[in-house]
Amino acid sequence: MAPLDASTNPEAIAGLQGGISEFDNAHRTVRNAPACLAPVSSPRSPYELQGSLSIPLRRTFFKRRRPGMPSKERISYFYDGDVGNVYFGPNHPMKPHRLCMTHHLVLSYGLYKKMEIYRPHKAYPVELAQFHSTDYVEFLHRISPNTQNLFADELARYNLGEDCPVFENLFEFCQIYAGGTIDAARRLNHQLCDIAINWAGGLHHAKKSSASGFCYINDLVLGILELLKYHARVLYIDIDVHHGDGVEEAFYFTDRQHVYLTCQFNSLRITSLPLRIYFLQLYSNKMFFCYIK
């Protein structure tokens, strides 16, 4: 899977200027239940899920193996070595080079033999703007360590600073990890795999128009929206130590039912390690969407 360099693609950048003017249209209504694999009218953002949705809910969340399907689970693993080359700065807890270390473990233990490895495409700005505001995406595209002093007001507006610093290749970093999650969701949609892995993803704090908690682009929301094109509901499980407020906020004001559960376990000298589970009853009939950080 060849990477697509949106940073040098004029058509991709131009797409931000037009073609998503209805991004915040909150009155889209989906009336008919989709077939098993028939694409649904794709919501461009969680805010377009307002309205009555007469999609029947199924009693099971998990995909049942059909007769004739392979006995072994098909695993798609997405990795781009460039994602580990970025540096958030001294003493910053975010260490992307650990993604490279994880990949080396996958190779050393021979796990790669049990999966298909893909290099994800770099998500286009228009793909990022399926959830994020266009002005925020444009700002991430043009900001750099050499120019950030010229944008003091914008840095404050978009919450870039100590927790979410500006570093070299920031936008490319966002493109890579978001592209991996989008590609993973697409392969699941088309039944090309049973499990899709993107260790670079899971940046669940990013908001529609601002960075937060070391997260710039919320790839999880983008992945869920991609799944919603084919499925009636999505089960999103988040077992990070911190609350995934960006994902919750993205879908909180829709009229779809969602359940938020928190389970906490105290054992083995581990205290206050929450297991947070979000049942976003959106559009999936049998998808299991899980990220582990």
Foldseek 3Di string as FASTA:
>chain_A
DDADPQLPDVVLLVVLVDDCPCLQVQDDEFEDADDQQAFGPFQLFLSNLADDYPYDADPAQADDDDPPDDPDFAEEEEDDCVLQVWDPDPPQPDHSVVVVVVVVVCVVVVVCVRYHYDHFYQAGLSLLLSQARSVQSVCQSPDAPVCVVVPPVLCVVQVEDDQHHHYPCRSSSVRRQLRQLQVQLVCVSVVVGRYYDRQSADLLQAARRHGDRNGRGHSVSSNVSSNLRGAAFEWEWEQAQDDSVRNCVRNVPHPFDKDKDKDFDDDPNDHSRIGITIGTRGGHHHYYHYHYD
